N, C-alpha and C. Protein backbone atom coordinates (compact mmCIF):
# COMPACT_ATOMS: atom_id res chain seq x y z
N MET A 1 94.82 98.34 116.51
CA MET A 1 94.01 98.59 115.98
C MET A 1 93.95 98.27 114.67
N SER A 2 93.30 99.13 113.51
CA SER A 2 93.63 98.57 112.35
C SER A 2 93.55 99.86 111.04
N ALA A 3 93.79 100.92 112.18
CA ALA A 3 94.35 101.62 111.05
C ALA A 3 94.45 102.94 111.38
N THR A 4 95.48 103.88 111.12
CA THR A 4 96.56 104.61 111.86
C THR A 4 95.47 105.49 112.27
N GLU A 5 96.03 106.57 113.30
CA GLU A 5 94.62 107.29 113.72
C GLU A 5 95.96 108.37 114.36
N VAL A 6 95.56 109.60 114.15
CA VAL A 6 96.10 110.34 115.07
C VAL A 6 95.29 111.32 116.25
N HIS A 7 95.72 111.51 116.90
CA HIS A 7 94.67 112.12 117.93
C HIS A 7 95.55 112.39 119.42
N SER A 8 95.01 113.40 120.33
CA SER A 8 95.58 113.76 121.52
C SER A 8 95.04 112.56 122.49
N PRO A 9 96.40 111.86 122.63
CA PRO A 9 96.38 110.96 124.21
C PRO A 9 95.50 111.15 125.18
N GLY A 10 94.95 110.36 125.15
CA GLY A 10 94.28 109.77 127.12
C GLY A 10 92.77 109.89 127.20
N ARG A 11 92.84 111.65 126.83
CA ARG A 11 91.10 112.40 127.35
C ARG A 11 90.35 113.51 126.70
N ASP A 12 89.66 113.47 126.44
CA ASP A 12 88.94 114.42 125.38
C ASP A 12 88.77 115.29 126.41
N THR A 13 89.30 116.39 125.95
CA THR A 13 89.10 117.80 127.61
C THR A 13 88.10 118.54 127.08
N ALA A 14 87.07 118.65 126.03
CA ALA A 14 86.13 119.10 125.97
C ALA A 14 84.64 117.95 126.70
N ALA A 15 84.73 116.49 126.42
CA ALA A 15 83.58 116.37 127.16
C ALA A 15 84.07 115.68 128.37
N GLY A 16 85.74 115.64 128.47
CA GLY A 16 85.75 115.28 129.86
C GLY A 16 85.89 113.46 130.30
N THR A 17 86.11 113.03 129.04
CA THR A 17 85.85 111.49 129.42
C THR A 17 87.20 111.06 128.13
N VAL A 18 87.56 109.96 128.46
CA VAL A 18 88.36 109.18 127.67
C VAL A 18 88.06 109.07 126.57
N ASP A 19 88.94 108.65 125.45
CA ASP A 19 88.73 108.91 123.83
C ASP A 19 88.84 107.07 123.77
N MET A 20 87.71 107.05 123.39
CA MET A 20 86.99 105.24 123.01
C MET A 20 86.82 105.50 121.62
N HIS A 21 87.64 104.40 120.83
CA HIS A 21 87.29 104.31 119.35
C HIS A 21 87.28 103.42 118.91
N PHE A 22 85.65 103.66 118.02
CA PHE A 22 84.90 102.03 117.78
C PHE A 22 85.72 101.21 116.63
N GLU A 23 85.86 100.05 117.24
CA GLU A 23 87.12 98.97 116.69
C GLU A 23 86.39 98.06 115.73
N VAL A 24 85.93 97.10 116.51
CA VAL A 24 85.51 95.83 115.77
C VAL A 24 83.90 95.54 116.18
N ASP A 25 83.08 95.35 115.06
CA ASP A 25 81.92 94.53 115.38
C ASP A 25 81.64 93.11 114.82
N ILE A 26 81.15 92.44 115.55
CA ILE A 26 81.09 90.33 115.81
C ILE A 26 79.65 90.38 114.66
N ILE A 27 79.80 89.61 113.63
CA ILE A 27 78.54 89.37 113.01
C ILE A 27 78.53 87.99 113.03
N PRO A 28 77.33 87.28 113.12
CA PRO A 28 76.86 86.16 113.32
C PRO A 28 76.91 85.23 111.89
N VAL A 29 77.69 84.11 111.22
CA VAL A 29 77.16 83.62 110.12
C VAL A 29 77.38 82.03 110.40
N SER A 30 76.98 81.39 109.65
CA SER A 30 76.94 79.80 109.62
C SER A 30 77.70 79.55 108.71
N ASP A 31 78.32 79.88 107.95
CA ASP A 31 79.03 79.59 106.88
C ASP A 31 80.80 80.18 106.66
N VAL A 32 81.78 80.12 107.79
CA VAL A 32 82.56 80.74 107.68
C VAL A 32 83.66 81.08 106.48
N ASP A 33 83.79 80.15 105.67
CA ASP A 33 84.47 80.03 104.41
C ASP A 33 83.62 81.02 103.00
N GLY A 34 82.22 80.42 103.36
CA GLY A 34 81.43 81.76 102.44
C GLY A 34 81.11 83.06 102.47
N ALA A 35 81.25 83.00 103.72
CA ALA A 35 81.51 84.58 104.68
C ALA A 35 82.40 85.45 104.00
N LYS A 36 83.69 84.63 104.05
CA LYS A 36 85.55 85.16 103.68
C LYS A 36 85.35 85.46 102.26
N GLU A 37 84.83 84.47 101.64
CA GLU A 37 84.52 84.88 99.56
C GLU A 37 83.60 85.98 99.93
N PHE A 38 82.66 86.26 100.29
CA PHE A 38 81.75 87.27 99.95
C PHE A 38 82.51 88.63 99.97
N TYR A 39 82.66 88.75 101.32
CA TYR A 39 83.77 90.09 102.11
C TYR A 39 84.83 90.12 101.20
N GLN A 40 85.43 89.26 100.60
CA GLN A 40 86.82 89.71 100.31
C GLN A 40 86.55 90.23 98.67
N ARG A 41 85.05 89.11 97.82
CA ARG A 41 84.57 89.61 97.01
C ARG A 41 84.00 91.30 96.71
N LEU A 42 83.84 91.56 97.93
CA LEU A 42 83.20 93.31 98.29
C LEU A 42 84.73 94.18 97.86
N GLY A 43 85.66 93.69 98.24
CA GLY A 43 86.80 93.98 98.45
C GLY A 43 87.35 94.45 99.67
N TRP A 44 86.92 94.27 100.39
CA TRP A 44 87.46 94.81 101.42
C TRP A 44 88.99 94.03 102.20
N ARG A 45 89.64 94.27 102.60
CA ARG A 45 90.90 93.96 103.72
C ARG A 45 90.71 92.85 104.46
N LEU A 46 91.44 91.76 104.18
CA LEU A 46 91.40 90.38 104.79
C LEU A 46 92.63 90.82 105.90
N ASP A 47 92.09 91.09 107.27
CA ASP A 47 93.05 91.75 108.10
C ASP A 47 94.34 89.80 108.75
N ALA A 48 92.85 89.79 109.32
CA ALA A 48 93.16 88.35 110.19
C ALA A 48 92.25 86.94 109.66
N ASP A 49 92.89 85.56 109.53
CA ASP A 49 92.22 84.29 109.66
C ASP A 49 93.03 83.77 110.44
N ASP A 50 92.44 83.63 111.79
CA ASP A 50 92.91 82.86 112.60
C ASP A 50 92.49 81.49 113.73
N ALA A 51 92.87 80.62 114.13
CA ALA A 51 92.37 79.48 114.92
C ALA A 51 93.22 79.39 115.70
N PRO A 52 93.54 80.29 116.84
CA PRO A 52 94.62 79.82 117.80
C PRO A 52 94.06 78.56 118.87
N LEU A 53 92.41 78.23 118.72
CA LEU A 53 92.19 76.89 119.85
C LEU A 53 91.40 76.03 119.19
N ASP A 54 91.19 75.36 119.65
CA ASP A 54 89.99 74.59 119.22
C ASP A 54 88.74 74.64 119.54
N GLY A 55 87.60 75.19 118.05
CA GLY A 55 86.25 75.37 118.19
C GLY A 55 86.39 76.77 118.13
N LEU A 56 87.21 77.43 117.77
CA LEU A 56 87.84 78.76 117.93
C LEU A 56 88.51 79.40 116.30
N ARG A 57 87.91 80.92 115.64
CA ARG A 57 88.09 81.07 114.40
C ARG A 57 87.55 82.05 114.18
N ILE A 58 88.90 82.85 113.65
CA ILE A 58 88.48 84.47 114.03
C ILE A 58 88.81 84.83 112.31
N VAL A 59 88.02 85.37 111.69
CA VAL A 59 88.40 86.16 110.19
C VAL A 59 87.51 87.56 110.71
N GLN A 60 88.85 88.17 110.57
CA GLN A 60 88.47 89.98 110.52
C GLN A 60 88.92 90.89 108.90
N PHE A 61 87.57 91.22 108.34
CA PHE A 61 88.06 91.94 107.14
C PHE A 61 87.80 93.69 107.81
N THR A 62 88.17 94.55 106.98
CA THR A 62 88.03 95.74 106.84
C THR A 62 87.71 96.84 105.56
N PRO A 63 86.09 97.01 105.67
CA PRO A 63 86.07 97.98 104.48
C PRO A 63 86.89 99.07 104.34
N PRO A 64 86.83 99.65 102.75
CA PRO A 64 87.72 100.49 102.27
C PRO A 64 87.82 101.88 103.25
N GLY A 65 89.00 102.21 103.77
CA GLY A 65 89.14 103.57 103.79
C GLY A 65 88.33 103.49 105.57
N SER A 66 88.03 102.48 106.12
CA SER A 66 87.26 102.15 107.59
C SER A 66 88.13 102.08 108.33
N ALA A 67 87.66 103.19 109.64
CA ALA A 67 88.71 102.76 110.70
C ALA A 67 88.49 101.64 111.67
N ALA A 68 86.69 100.99 111.27
CA ALA A 68 86.80 99.99 112.32
C ALA A 68 86.47 98.57 111.14
N SER A 69 86.70 97.62 112.04
CA SER A 69 86.25 96.24 111.40
C SER A 69 85.14 95.27 111.65
N VAL A 70 84.81 94.44 110.81
CA VAL A 70 84.06 93.35 111.08
C VAL A 70 84.57 91.99 111.08
N THR A 71 84.38 91.01 112.45
CA THR A 71 84.73 89.64 112.85
C THR A 71 83.80 88.78 112.69
N PHE A 72 83.90 87.29 112.10
CA PHE A 72 83.12 86.24 112.21
C PHE A 72 83.71 85.34 112.44
N GLY A 73 83.43 84.10 112.47
CA GLY A 73 84.18 82.81 112.65
C GLY A 73 83.24 81.97 113.49
N THR A 74 83.95 81.16 114.16
CA THR A 74 83.51 80.22 115.13
C THR A 74 83.68 80.30 116.31
N GLY A 75 82.67 80.03 117.07
CA GLY A 75 82.97 80.40 118.51
C GLY A 75 82.98 81.88 118.69
N LEU A 76 82.37 82.81 118.22
CA LEU A 76 82.76 84.02 118.71
C LEU A 76 81.22 84.77 119.30
N THR A 77 80.24 84.50 119.29
CA THR A 77 78.77 84.55 118.95
C THR A 77 77.89 83.58 119.38
N THR A 78 76.46 84.09 120.35
CA THR A 78 75.74 83.27 119.89
C THR A 78 74.38 83.29 119.35
N ALA A 79 74.48 85.12 118.59
CA ALA A 79 73.60 85.23 118.08
C ALA A 79 73.29 84.29 116.64
N ALA A 80 71.86 84.43 116.20
CA ALA A 80 71.57 84.03 115.17
C ALA A 80 72.74 84.41 113.48
N PRO A 81 72.79 83.44 112.71
CA PRO A 81 73.20 84.08 111.37
C PRO A 81 72.36 84.73 110.73
N GLY A 82 72.73 85.87 110.56
CA GLY A 82 71.56 86.92 109.64
C GLY A 82 71.38 88.11 110.78
N ALA A 83 71.66 87.83 111.82
CA ALA A 83 70.68 88.65 112.59
C ALA A 83 71.18 90.23 112.77
N ALA A 84 72.82 90.12 112.32
CA ALA A 84 73.26 91.75 112.13
C ALA A 84 72.71 92.76 111.19
N GLU A 85 72.71 93.50 111.76
CA GLU A 85 72.61 94.47 111.11
C GLU A 85 73.54 95.91 110.73
N GLY A 86 74.42 97.10 109.95
CA GLY A 86 75.13 97.39 110.29
C GLY A 86 75.35 98.64 108.73
N GLY A 87 76.00 99.57 109.12
CA GLY A 87 75.88 101.11 108.39
C GLY A 87 77.20 101.56 107.71
N LEU A 88 77.18 101.61 106.87
CA LEU A 88 78.53 102.24 106.22
C LEU A 88 78.16 103.78 105.44
N ILE A 89 78.86 104.62 105.18
CA ILE A 89 79.10 105.25 105.21
C ILE A 89 79.61 105.57 103.91
N VAL A 90 79.08 106.46 102.76
CA VAL A 90 80.12 106.65 101.20
C VAL A 90 79.97 108.19 100.67
N SER A 91 80.95 108.59 100.43
CA SER A 91 80.54 110.36 99.87
C SER A 91 80.00 110.24 98.68
N ASP A 92 79.90 109.22 97.57
CA ASP A 92 79.03 109.43 96.35
C ASP A 92 78.23 107.89 96.16
N ILE A 93 76.95 107.96 96.73
CA ILE A 93 76.12 106.73 96.54
C ILE A 93 76.03 106.18 95.20
N GLN A 94 76.29 107.07 94.50
CA GLN A 94 75.94 105.97 92.64
C GLN A 94 77.66 105.47 92.14
N ALA A 95 78.65 106.12 92.86
CA ALA A 95 79.97 105.12 92.26
C ALA A 95 79.48 103.97 93.63
N ALA A 96 79.46 104.00 94.45
CA ALA A 96 79.65 102.45 95.55
C ALA A 96 78.70 101.85 95.15
N HIS A 97 77.70 102.31 94.75
CA HIS A 97 76.40 101.48 93.97
C HIS A 97 77.25 100.68 92.99
N ALA A 98 77.64 101.45 91.87
CA ALA A 98 77.99 100.96 90.81
C ALA A 98 79.29 100.07 90.94
N ASP A 99 80.33 99.84 91.79
CA ASP A 99 80.95 99.57 92.08
C ASP A 99 80.88 98.05 92.78
N LEU A 100 79.65 98.39 93.52
CA LEU A 100 79.58 96.33 94.02
C LEU A 100 78.47 96.18 93.18
N ILE A 101 78.11 96.42 92.40
CA ILE A 101 76.85 95.76 91.47
C ILE A 101 78.05 95.05 90.32
N GLY A 102 79.49 96.21 89.86
CA GLY A 102 80.22 95.12 89.23
C GLY A 102 80.86 94.14 89.62
N ARG A 103 80.95 94.05 91.25
CA ARG A 103 81.67 92.96 91.98
C ARG A 103 80.86 91.46 91.90
N GLY A 104 79.47 91.96 91.37
CA GLY A 104 78.29 90.82 91.29
C GLY A 104 77.86 90.48 92.83
N ILE A 105 77.60 91.69 93.28
CA ILE A 105 76.52 91.89 94.56
C ILE A 105 75.38 92.60 94.13
N ASP A 106 74.21 91.61 95.07
CA ASP A 106 73.41 92.02 94.93
C ASP A 106 72.66 93.06 95.40
N ALA A 107 73.18 94.08 95.43
CA ALA A 107 72.60 95.28 96.10
C ALA A 107 70.95 96.12 95.66
N SER A 108 70.39 96.35 96.45
CA SER A 108 69.18 97.02 96.33
C SER A 108 69.15 98.41 95.14
N GLN A 109 68.39 98.85 94.68
CA GLN A 109 68.09 100.01 93.90
C GLN A 109 68.51 100.72 94.99
N ILE A 110 69.15 102.23 94.26
CA ILE A 110 69.78 103.73 95.47
C ILE A 110 67.95 104.37 95.43
N TRP A 111 67.68 104.75 97.28
CA TRP A 111 66.31 105.57 97.17
C TRP A 111 66.70 106.76 98.06
N HIS A 112 65.83 107.75 98.42
CA HIS A 112 66.00 108.46 98.58
C HIS A 112 64.89 109.01 100.13
N GLY A 113 64.91 109.27 101.29
CA GLY A 113 63.64 109.35 102.04
C GLY A 113 64.01 108.67 103.32
N PRO A 114 63.38 108.71 104.46
CA PRO A 114 63.43 107.60 105.25
C PRO A 114 64.43 106.58 105.00
N PRO A 115 65.39 106.11 106.02
CA PRO A 115 65.75 104.43 105.59
C PRO A 115 64.73 103.81 106.09
N PHE A 116 63.76 104.27 106.85
CA PHE A 116 62.80 103.14 107.43
C PHE A 116 61.35 103.79 107.92
N PRO A 117 60.40 103.33 107.52
CA PRO A 117 59.87 102.20 106.93
C PRO A 117 60.02 102.64 105.38
N ALA A 118 60.03 101.12 105.22
CA ALA A 118 60.63 100.76 103.56
C ALA A 118 59.39 101.26 102.71
N GLU A 119 58.24 101.68 103.18
CA GLU A 119 57.26 102.65 102.42
C GLU A 119 57.19 103.54 102.12
N ALA A 120 58.18 104.29 102.81
CA ALA A 120 58.64 105.65 103.04
C ALA A 120 59.86 106.17 102.36
N ARG A 121 60.46 105.47 101.24
CA ARG A 121 61.49 105.68 100.36
C ARG A 121 61.08 105.72 99.27
N GLN A 122 62.15 106.30 98.33
CA GLN A 122 61.61 107.14 97.21
C GLN A 122 62.54 106.78 95.94
N PRO A 123 62.10 106.74 94.85
CA PRO A 123 63.04 105.43 94.14
C PRO A 123 64.33 107.01 93.36
N GLY A 124 65.93 106.26 93.46
CA GLY A 124 66.87 107.13 93.31
C GLY A 124 67.77 107.97 94.18
N PRO A 125 68.72 108.34 94.31
CA PRO A 125 69.66 109.28 94.74
C PRO A 125 68.65 110.66 95.34
N ASP A 126 68.66 111.15 96.45
CA ASP A 126 67.86 112.83 96.86
C ASP A 126 68.01 113.47 95.52
N PRO A 127 67.09 114.04 94.94
CA PRO A 127 67.25 115.11 94.18
C PRO A 127 68.73 116.19 93.86
N GLN A 128 68.71 116.62 95.05
CA GLN A 128 69.82 117.79 95.86
C GLN A 128 70.97 116.85 96.04
N ARG A 129 71.12 115.81 95.87
CA ARG A 129 72.13 115.03 96.80
C ARG A 129 72.55 115.57 98.27
N THR A 130 71.47 115.80 99.06
CA THR A 130 71.84 116.30 100.65
C THR A 130 72.24 115.25 100.89
N SER A 131 73.12 115.56 102.19
CA SER A 131 74.31 114.36 102.65
C SER A 131 72.85 113.88 103.56
N TYR A 132 73.24 112.65 104.21
CA TYR A 132 72.58 111.55 104.69
C TYR A 132 71.12 111.31 103.81
N GLY A 133 71.05 112.05 102.67
CA GLY A 133 69.72 111.77 102.19
C GLY A 133 69.69 110.11 101.14
N SER A 134 70.66 109.93 101.03
CA SER A 134 70.30 108.46 100.08
C SER A 134 70.95 107.57 100.14
N PHE A 135 70.49 106.33 99.47
CA PHE A 135 70.46 105.14 100.50
C PHE A 135 70.40 103.58 99.56
N PHE A 136 71.45 102.38 99.66
CA PHE A 136 71.21 101.50 99.17
C PHE A 136 71.30 100.47 99.88
N SER A 137 70.87 99.35 99.54
CA SER A 137 71.46 97.97 100.96
C SER A 137 71.95 96.89 100.03
N PHE A 138 72.29 96.05 100.89
CA PHE A 138 72.81 94.81 100.19
C PHE A 138 72.84 93.71 101.48
N THR A 139 73.25 92.39 101.43
CA THR A 139 72.68 91.72 102.40
C THR A 139 74.33 90.62 101.61
N ASP A 140 74.86 89.83 103.28
CA ASP A 140 75.77 88.93 103.13
C ASP A 140 74.78 87.50 102.51
N PRO A 141 75.64 86.37 102.07
CA PRO A 141 74.71 85.42 102.58
C PRO A 141 74.42 84.79 103.64
N ASP A 142 74.32 84.78 104.59
CA ASP A 142 73.40 84.76 105.87
C ASP A 142 72.18 85.42 105.79
N GLY A 143 72.25 86.87 105.38
CA GLY A 143 71.18 87.63 105.21
C GLY A 143 71.58 88.88 106.22
N ASN A 144 72.73 88.78 107.34
CA ASN A 144 73.35 90.07 107.38
C ASN A 144 73.34 91.54 106.61
N THR A 145 72.48 92.72 107.16
CA THR A 145 71.93 93.41 106.08
C THR A 145 73.42 94.59 106.41
N TRP A 146 73.66 95.45 105.07
CA TRP A 146 74.54 96.68 105.15
C TRP A 146 73.60 97.96 104.55
N LEU A 147 73.46 98.47 105.70
CA LEU A 147 72.81 99.83 104.99
C LEU A 147 73.58 101.47 104.47
N VAL A 148 74.08 101.56 103.08
CA VAL A 148 74.36 102.16 103.05
C VAL A 148 74.01 103.60 102.79
N GLN A 149 74.88 104.55 103.01
CA GLN A 149 74.41 105.95 103.02
C GLN A 149 75.18 107.15 102.53
N GLU A 150 74.88 108.00 101.76
CA GLU A 150 75.91 108.82 101.29
C GLU A 150 75.79 110.02 102.39
N VAL A 151 76.99 110.32 102.78
CA VAL A 151 77.23 111.93 103.91
C VAL A 151 78.48 112.72 103.10
N THR A 152 78.05 113.59 102.88
CA THR A 152 79.62 114.75 102.19
C THR A 152 79.36 115.97 103.27
N THR A 153 78.34 116.26 104.11
CA THR A 153 78.74 117.26 105.12
C THR A 153 77.94 116.65 106.28
N ARG A 154 78.91 116.36 107.24
CA ARG A 154 78.51 116.20 108.56
C ARG A 154 77.66 117.30 109.21
N LEU A 155 76.60 116.82 110.36
CA LEU A 155 76.07 117.43 110.70
C LEU A 155 76.89 118.20 112.51
N PRO A 156 76.51 119.74 112.27
CA PRO A 156 76.92 120.27 112.91
C PRO A 156 77.77 119.81 114.38
N GLY A 157 78.77 119.45 115.25
CA GLY A 157 78.91 118.67 116.01
C GLY A 157 79.63 117.55 116.32
N ARG A 158 79.36 116.82 114.81
CA ARG A 158 79.68 115.53 114.68
C ARG A 158 81.19 115.11 114.33
N VAL A 159 81.69 115.84 114.36
CA VAL A 159 83.37 115.99 114.00
C VAL A 159 84.03 117.12 114.67
N ASP A 160 85.53 117.16 115.10
CA ASP A 160 85.96 117.99 115.81
C ASP A 160 86.14 119.11 114.25
N ALA A 161 85.92 120.47 114.17
CA ALA A 161 85.84 121.48 113.39
C ALA A 161 87.45 121.50 113.30
N GLU A 162 88.32 121.60 114.38
CA GLU A 162 89.63 121.63 114.15
C GLU A 162 90.36 120.38 113.83
N ALA A 163 89.97 119.52 113.21
CA ALA A 163 90.51 118.30 112.71
C ALA A 163 89.67 117.81 111.63
N THR A 164 90.34 117.83 110.18
CA THR A 164 90.12 117.78 108.99
C THR A 164 90.93 116.14 108.07
N ALA A 165 89.93 115.26 108.32
CA ALA A 165 90.78 114.05 107.86
C ALA A 165 89.66 113.59 106.47
N PHE A 166 90.50 112.81 106.20
CA PHE A 166 89.87 112.19 104.82
C PHE A 166 90.57 110.42 105.27
N SER A 167 89.37 109.62 105.06
CA SER A 167 90.10 107.78 104.84
C SER A 167 90.31 107.38 103.91
N SER A 168 90.44 108.02 102.46
CA SER A 168 90.45 107.42 101.49
C SER A 168 91.07 108.44 100.69
N THR A 169 91.53 107.87 99.65
CA THR A 169 92.25 109.07 98.29
C THR A 169 90.91 109.35 97.50
N ALA A 170 90.19 107.92 97.85
CA ALA A 170 88.63 108.45 96.78
C ALA A 170 88.02 109.53 97.62
N ASP A 171 87.87 109.28 98.78
CA ASP A 171 86.72 110.33 99.11
C ASP A 171 87.30 111.80 99.34
N LEU A 172 88.41 112.00 99.37
CA LEU A 172 89.48 113.31 99.31
C LEU A 172 88.84 113.54 97.95
N ALA A 173 89.13 112.83 96.95
CA ALA A 173 89.20 113.00 95.25
C ALA A 173 87.81 113.61 95.39
N SER A 174 86.36 113.12 95.51
CA SER A 174 85.02 113.52 96.01
C SER A 174 85.04 115.13 96.39
N ALA A 175 85.56 114.84 97.89
CA ALA A 175 85.56 116.14 98.25
C ALA A 175 86.04 117.32 97.54
N LEU A 176 87.16 117.09 96.68
CA LEU A 176 88.04 118.26 95.97
C LEU A 176 87.15 119.04 94.68
N ARG A 177 86.03 117.53 94.06
CA ARG A 177 85.41 117.88 92.73
C ARG A 177 84.24 118.67 93.80
N ARG A 178 83.52 118.32 95.08
CA ARG A 178 82.57 119.48 95.15
C ARG A 178 83.38 120.45 95.97
N ALA A 179 84.28 121.00 95.80
CA ALA A 179 85.23 121.88 96.53
C ALA A 179 85.32 122.91 94.77
N GLU A 180 85.79 122.02 93.90
CA GLU A 180 85.52 123.14 92.39
C GLU A 180 84.62 123.05 92.19
N ALA A 181 83.40 122.72 92.14
CA ALA A 181 82.35 123.53 91.95
C ALA A 181 81.93 124.34 92.65
N ALA A 182 82.09 124.06 93.68
CA ALA A 182 81.94 126.05 94.60
C ALA A 182 82.11 126.56 94.47
N HIS A 183 83.94 126.32 94.44
CA HIS A 183 84.87 127.92 93.78
C HIS A 183 84.23 127.68 92.56
N ALA A 184 83.95 127.50 91.46
CA ALA A 184 83.10 128.28 90.09
C ALA A 184 82.13 128.89 90.16
N GLU A 185 81.26 128.56 91.28
CA GLU A 185 79.49 129.63 91.78
C GLU A 185 80.36 130.75 92.27
N HIS A 186 81.49 130.29 93.45
CA HIS A 186 82.04 131.51 94.03
C HIS A 186 82.77 132.48 93.25
N HIS A 187 83.28 132.13 92.28
CA HIS A 187 83.75 133.03 90.88
C HIS A 187 82.78 133.47 90.18
N LYS A 188 81.49 132.93 89.74
CA LYS A 188 80.47 133.53 89.14
C LYS A 188 79.76 134.78 89.76
N ARG A 189 79.78 134.33 91.33
CA ARG A 189 79.09 135.40 92.41
C ARG A 189 80.48 136.66 92.42
N ALA A 190 81.43 136.34 92.03
CA ALA A 190 82.27 137.46 92.18
C ALA A 190 82.73 137.94 90.69
N GLY A 191 81.89 137.65 90.20
CA GLY A 191 82.39 137.67 88.11
C GLY A 191 83.12 137.94 87.62
N ARG A 192 84.02 136.61 88.39
CA ARG A 192 85.23 136.70 87.42
C ARG A 192 85.37 134.93 87.24
N PRO A 193 85.69 135.01 86.08
CA PRO A 193 86.23 133.29 85.49
C PRO A 193 86.57 132.65 85.98
N HIS A 194 86.35 131.28 86.04
CA HIS A 194 86.82 130.08 86.71
C HIS A 194 87.94 129.50 86.35
N LEU A 195 89.13 130.04 86.54
CA LEU A 195 90.55 129.80 86.12
C LEU A 195 91.07 128.70 86.79
N LEU A 196 90.76 128.01 87.34
CA LEU A 196 91.61 126.98 88.14
C LEU A 196 93.13 126.70 88.15
N HIS A 197 93.26 126.14 86.27
CA HIS A 197 94.75 125.68 86.22
C HIS A 197 95.57 127.11 86.34
N HIS A 198 94.89 128.22 86.08
CA HIS A 198 96.01 129.59 85.70
C HIS A 198 95.86 130.28 87.20
N SER A 199 96.94 129.84 88.13
CA SER A 199 97.14 130.14 89.54
C SER A 199 96.90 131.85 89.65
N GLY A 200 97.48 132.72 88.37
CA GLY A 200 97.65 134.28 88.89
C GLY A 200 96.26 134.49 88.44
N GLN A 201 95.42 134.44 88.43
CA GLN A 201 94.07 134.41 88.57
C GLN A 201 93.50 134.68 89.78
N ASP A 202 93.91 133.82 90.48
CA ASP A 202 93.27 133.33 92.36
C ASP A 202 94.45 132.71 92.59
N ASP A 203 95.31 133.38 93.32
CA ASP A 203 96.57 132.87 94.38
C ASP A 203 96.15 132.21 95.15
N ASN A 204 94.56 132.68 95.81
CA ASN A 204 93.90 132.37 96.85
C ASN A 204 93.29 130.64 97.07
N TRP A 205 93.46 130.35 96.01
CA TRP A 205 92.48 129.22 95.59
C TRP A 205 92.97 128.36 96.32
N PRO A 206 94.28 127.49 96.80
CA PRO A 206 94.46 126.51 98.08
C PRO A 206 93.63 126.63 99.18
N ALA A 207 93.80 128.07 99.62
CA ALA A 207 93.42 128.23 100.93
C ALA A 207 91.83 128.36 100.76
N TRP A 208 90.85 128.55 99.82
CA TRP A 208 89.64 128.75 99.51
C TRP A 208 88.89 127.39 99.73
N TYR A 209 89.55 126.53 99.42
CA TYR A 209 89.66 125.07 98.71
C TYR A 209 89.99 123.87 100.33
N ALA A 210 91.02 124.45 101.13
CA ALA A 210 90.97 124.30 102.15
C ALA A 210 90.48 124.62 103.19
N ALA A 211 90.02 125.70 102.95
CA ALA A 211 88.79 126.42 104.20
C ALA A 211 87.12 125.25 103.98
N TYR A 212 86.89 125.44 102.42
CA TYR A 212 85.51 124.30 102.16
C TYR A 212 85.63 123.44 102.71
N LEU A 213 87.15 122.52 102.40
CA LEU A 213 87.15 121.11 102.58
C LEU A 213 86.54 120.73 104.76
N ALA A 214 86.96 121.80 105.13
CA ALA A 214 87.40 122.07 106.94
C ALA A 214 86.36 121.70 107.09
N ALA A 215 85.09 123.16 106.31
CA ALA A 215 83.64 123.56 106.36
C ALA A 215 82.67 122.51 106.64
N GLU A 216 83.38 122.13 105.02
CA GLU A 216 81.99 120.49 104.66
C GLU A 216 82.19 119.39 105.38
N GLN A 217 83.20 119.13 106.00
CA GLN A 217 83.71 118.36 106.89
C GLN A 217 82.58 118.35 108.03
N ALA A 218 83.11 119.30 108.59
CA ALA A 218 82.63 119.68 110.53
C ALA A 218 81.44 120.25 110.14
N GLY A 219 80.75 120.51 109.19
CA GLY A 219 79.24 120.78 109.30
C GLY A 219 78.52 122.48 109.51
N THR A 220 80.02 122.95 109.61
CA THR A 220 80.04 124.39 109.98
C THR A 220 79.69 125.11 108.26
N ASP A 221 79.81 126.76 108.84
CA ASP A 221 79.41 127.42 107.36
C ASP A 221 80.32 127.44 106.42
N LEU A 222 79.74 127.12 105.13
CA LEU A 222 80.92 127.07 103.57
C LEU A 222 81.35 128.29 103.25
N PRO A 223 82.64 128.48 102.43
CA PRO A 223 82.91 130.01 102.70
C PRO A 223 82.05 130.54 101.42
N ALA A 224 81.51 131.64 101.35
CA ALA A 224 80.61 132.48 100.38
C ALA A 224 81.67 132.41 98.71
C-alpha cells in the first residue's frame, strides 16, 4: 500500500462486500525519463523506479495527500501515450493553481460550471466556492490530462459519517479555516463576540469545531 490506512478489516458490513481501495492507475507515456522529470516537478512523491526484467520499467508517483498512485514506464500498457485522463481533488482550487504555476506547470485558467462540454465553462472559481464547482486542468508532456476539482464538502453517502480523516496537513488547515469562519458566524447569530483565543468565552469551541469538520466531510447537516 502507498499510504497508511486505518479501517475495519475484511468486510464492509453496510454494503456486504469486501473492502477494495483504489491503489494505482497506469498511464501511457512515450518518454519515461521526461515523464519522471515532469511528475517530480509537480511535487509528487517518487515511490519507485525499478527495472526488474529486460523491457520492463516501473515508475510510480503519489500525489501529496493521496492514497492512490500513478504508474508509468515500459512494458506496462499498450495504450497510446496521452490517452489517459485522471481527476485530482483539492480543498483550495486557487492555492493549488498557484502552486502548479509556481512550479512552471502550464495549467489552464480556473473555471466554474460543468467541466464538459468546454463551451459551458465560466471563467474564475465558483462565486460561492460551492463544493465540486471549480476546476482547472493540466497535461503531462505526452498529453495525459489531469482535471483538478475543488471539493470541500462531500455529497451525502460519499464518505463514512463515523470516520473523519484528512489526507494532509494542508487539507486539515484549510478545513480549520472554514470551521473558524463558520464559528464566527455562529457567534454572530448568538449575539456574542467571536473570541477564538479566549477559551473562557467559549469552552465548547473544540467540540463545535470537531462537529463541523466531521459534518462537512460527510456531507451531513452542519452545526448551527
